[in-house]
Amino acid sequence: MKTKIKRVKFQPEYKNPKYSVFLESPEGNELYIEFDYTYTNKTYMPLKVEYNGVENGAKLAWYTSKVENMTVYSFLDTIAKQINKKYNFTFKDE
């Protein structure tokens, strides 16, 4: 992963654990992503995306394919694994 994690807010108390992450792209731009883990689909879903202060709704594929050369799921999974490890969190279904 080329993007660096700068700040994290992790909220495991929600029905679906929620992640808010500030990242720095390789070019030095700021990327903010809110996403959660959905137990029914067993996948991560972006809820809000901002790039350099411009809101992009929940669209993240443009960034992950252009900068990271990976899928949205792989990108969010990589970020979530690092956060889960830091906070010693495991999912209810694991």
C-alpha atoms as a PDB file:
ATOM      1  CA  MET A   1       0.000   0.000   0.000  1.00  0.00           C
ATOM      2  CA  LYS A   2       1.486   3.322  -1.114  1.00  0.00           C
ATOM      3  CA  THR A   3      -0.844   5.528   0.931  1.00  0.00           C
ATOM      4  CA  LYS A   4       0.161   6.305   4.534  1.00  0.00           C
ATOM      5  CA  ILE A   5      -2.269   6.278   7.445  1.00  0.00           C
ATOM      6  CA  LYS A   6      -2.077   9.552   9.405  1.00  0.00           C
ATOM      7  CA  ARG A   7      -5.003   9.489  11.876  1.00  0.00           C
ATOM      8  CA  VAL A   8      -7.629   6.935  12.801  1.00  0.00           C
ATOM      9  CA  LYS A   9     -10.917   6.927  14.660  1.00  0.00           C
ATOM     10  CA  PHE A  10     -12.231   3.411  15.277  1.00  0.00           C
ATOM     11  CA  GLN A  11     -15.728   2.805  16.635  1.00  0.00           C
ATOM     12  CA  PRO A  12     -16.268  -0.919  17.341  1.00  0.00           C
ATOM     13  CA  GLU A  13     -19.376  -0.247  19.456  1.00  0.00           C
ATOM     14  CA  TYR A  14     -21.629   0.196  16.403  1.00  0.00           C
ATOM     15  CA  LYS A  15     -23.631  -2.698  14.964  1.00  0.00           C
ATOM     16  CA  ASN A  16     -21.176  -2.607  12.051  1.00  0.00           C
ATOM     17  CA  PRO A  17     -17.708  -1.467  13.229  1.00  0.00           C
ATOM     18  CA  LYS A  18     -16.969   1.983  11.794  1.00  0.00           C
ATOM     19  CA  TYR A  19     -13.609   3.342  10.683  1.00  0.00           C
ATOM     20  CA  SER A  20     -12.678   6.979   9.982  1.00  0.00           C
ATOM     21  CA  VAL A  21      -9.217   7.346   8.485  1.00  0.00           C
ATOM     22  CA  PHE A  22      -7.093  10.266   7.309  1.00  0.00           C
ATOM     23  CA  LEU A  23      -4.469   9.149   4.805  1.00  0.00           C
ATOM     24  CA  GLU A  24      -1.701  10.793   2.804  1.00  0.00           C
ATOM     25  CA  SER A  25      -1.346   9.843  -0.842  1.00  0.00           C
ATOM     26  CA  PRO A  26       2.104   9.349  -2.425  1.00  0.00           C
ATOM     27  CA  GLU A  27       1.750  12.841  -3.972  1.00  0.00           C
ATOM     28  CA  GLY A  28       1.159  14.358  -0.507  1.00  0.00           C
ATOM     29  CA  ASN A  29      -2.588  14.886  -0.927  1.00  0.00           C
ATOM     30  CA  GLU A  30      -5.044  14.156   1.892  1.00  0.00           C
ATOM     31  CA  LEU A  31      -7.583  11.366   1.573  1.00  0.00           C
ATOM     32  CA  TYR A  32     -10.333  10.917   4.173  1.00  0.00           C
ATOM     33  CA  ILE A  33     -12.411   7.744   4.215  1.00  0.00           C
ATOM     34  CA  GLU A  34     -15.277   6.650   6.450  1.00  0.00           C
ATOM     35  CA  PHE A  35     -16.138   2.982   6.014  1.00  0.00           C
ATOM     36  CA  ASP A  36     -17.673   0.128   7.918  1.00  0.00           C
ATOM     37  CA  TYR A  37     -17.669  -3.644   8.015  1.00  0.00           C
ATOM     38  CA  THR A  38     -20.984  -5.195   7.041  1.00  0.00           C
ATOM     39  CA  TYR A  39     -21.553  -8.548   8.746  1.00  0.00           C
ATOM     40  CA  THR A  40     -24.258  -9.665   6.300  1.00  0.00           C
ATOM     41  CA  ASN A  41     -21.947  -9.285   3.283  1.00  0.00           C
ATOM     42  CA  LYS A  42     -18.711  -9.838   5.236  1.00  0.00           C
ATOM     43  CA  THR A  43     -17.156  -6.923   3.400  1.00  0.00           C
ATOM     44  CA  TYR A  44     -16.016  -3.335   3.899  1.00  0.00           C
ATOM     45  CA  MET A  45     -18.112  -0.561   2.376  1.00  0.00           C
ATOM     46  CA  PRO A  46     -17.058   3.076   1.933  1.00  0.00           C
ATOM     47  CA  LEU A  47     -19.552   5.536   3.425  1.00  0.00           C
ATOM     48  CA  LYS A  48     -17.818   8.862   2.752  1.00  0.00           C
ATOM     49  CA  VAL A  49     -14.747   9.818   0.738  1.00  0.00           C
ATOM     50  CA  GLU A  50     -12.993  13.194   0.552  1.00  0.00           C
ATOM     51  CA  TYR A  51      -9.886  13.952  -1.476  1.00  0.00           C
ATOM     52  CA  ASN A  52      -8.149  17.256  -0.717  1.00  0.00           C
ATOM     53  CA  GLY A  53     -11.319  18.531   0.932  1.00  0.00           C
ATOM     54  CA  VAL A  54     -13.554  17.706  -2.051  1.00  0.00           C
ATOM     55  CA  GLU A  55     -16.349  15.282  -1.194  1.00  0.00           C
ATOM     56  CA  ASN A  56     -16.707  12.308  -3.549  1.00  0.00           C
ATOM     57  CA  GLY A  57     -19.710  10.602  -1.942  1.00  0.00           C
ATOM     58  CA  ALA A  58     -18.848   6.960  -1.390  1.00  0.00           C
ATOM     59  CA  LYS A  59     -16.802   6.644  -4.584  1.00  0.00           C
ATOM     60  CA  LEU A  60     -13.325   5.275  -3.976  1.00  0.00           C
ATOM     61  CA  ALA A  61     -12.619   3.054  -7.009  1.00  0.00           C
ATOM     62  CA  TRP A  62     -11.079   5.936  -8.979  1.00  0.00           C
ATOM     63  CA  TYR A  63      -8.397   6.297  -6.293  1.00  0.00           C
ATOM     64  CA  THR A  64      -7.698   2.630  -5.594  1.00  0.00           C
ATOM     65  CA  SER A  65      -7.358   1.719  -9.273  1.00  0.00           C
ATOM     66  CA  LYS A  66      -5.296   4.795 -10.263  1.00  0.00           C
ATOM     67  CA  VAL A  67      -2.965   5.113  -7.259  1.00  0.00           C
ATOM     68  CA  GLU A  68      -2.942   1.752  -5.467  1.00  0.00           C
ATOM     69  CA  ASN A  69      -3.602  -0.643  -8.384  1.00  0.00           C
ATOM     70  CA  MET A  70      -6.003  -2.684  -6.261  1.00  0.00           C
ATOM     71  CA  THR A  71      -9.714  -3.070  -5.660  1.00  0.00           C
ATOM     72  CA  VAL A  72     -11.668  -1.003  -3.167  1.00  0.00           C
ATOM     73  CA  TYR A  73     -12.235  -4.097  -1.015  1.00  0.00           C
ATOM     74  CA  SER A  74      -8.516  -4.965  -0.944  1.00  0.00           C
ATOM     75  CA  PHE A  75      -7.597  -1.382  -0.075  1.00  0.00           C
ATOM     76  CA  LEU A  76     -10.126  -1.112   2.767  1.00  0.00           C
ATOM     77  CA  ASP A  77      -9.265  -4.620   3.987  1.00  0.00           C
ATOM     78  CA  THR A  78      -5.580  -3.683   4.227  1.00  0.00           C
ATOM     79  CA  ILE A  79      -6.378  -0.530   6.201  1.00  0.00           C
ATOM     80  CA  ALA A  80      -8.861  -2.318   8.486  1.00  0.00           C
ATOM     81  CA  LYS A  81      -6.439  -5.148   9.275  1.00  0.00           C
ATOM     82  CA  GLN A  82      -3.845  -2.629  10.477  1.00  0.00           C
ATOM     83  CA  ILE A  83      -6.419  -0.819  12.618  1.00  0.00           C
ATOM     84  CA  ASN A  84      -7.913  -4.045  14.015  1.00  0.00           C
ATOM     85  CA  LYS A  85      -4.454  -5.246  14.986  1.00  0.00           C
ATOM     86  CA  LYS A  86      -3.655  -1.926  16.693  1.00  0.00           C
ATOM     87  CA  TYR A  87      -6.896  -2.018  18.710  1.00  0.00           C
ATOM     88  CA  ASN A  88      -6.788  -5.816  19.245  1.00  0.00           C
ATOM     89  CA  PHE A  89     -10.247  -6.192  17.655  1.00  0.00           C
ATOM     90  CA  THR A  90     -11.771  -9.358  16.208  1.00  0.00           C
ATOM     91  CA  PHE A  91     -15.157  -9.676  14.519  1.00  0.00           C
ATOM     92  CA  LYS A  92     -18.075 -11.490  16.127  1.00  0.00           C
ATOM     93  CA  ASP A  93     -18.243 -13.966  13.233  1.00  0.00           C
ATOM     94  CA  GLU A  94     -14.563 -14.973  13.380  1.00  0.00           C
END
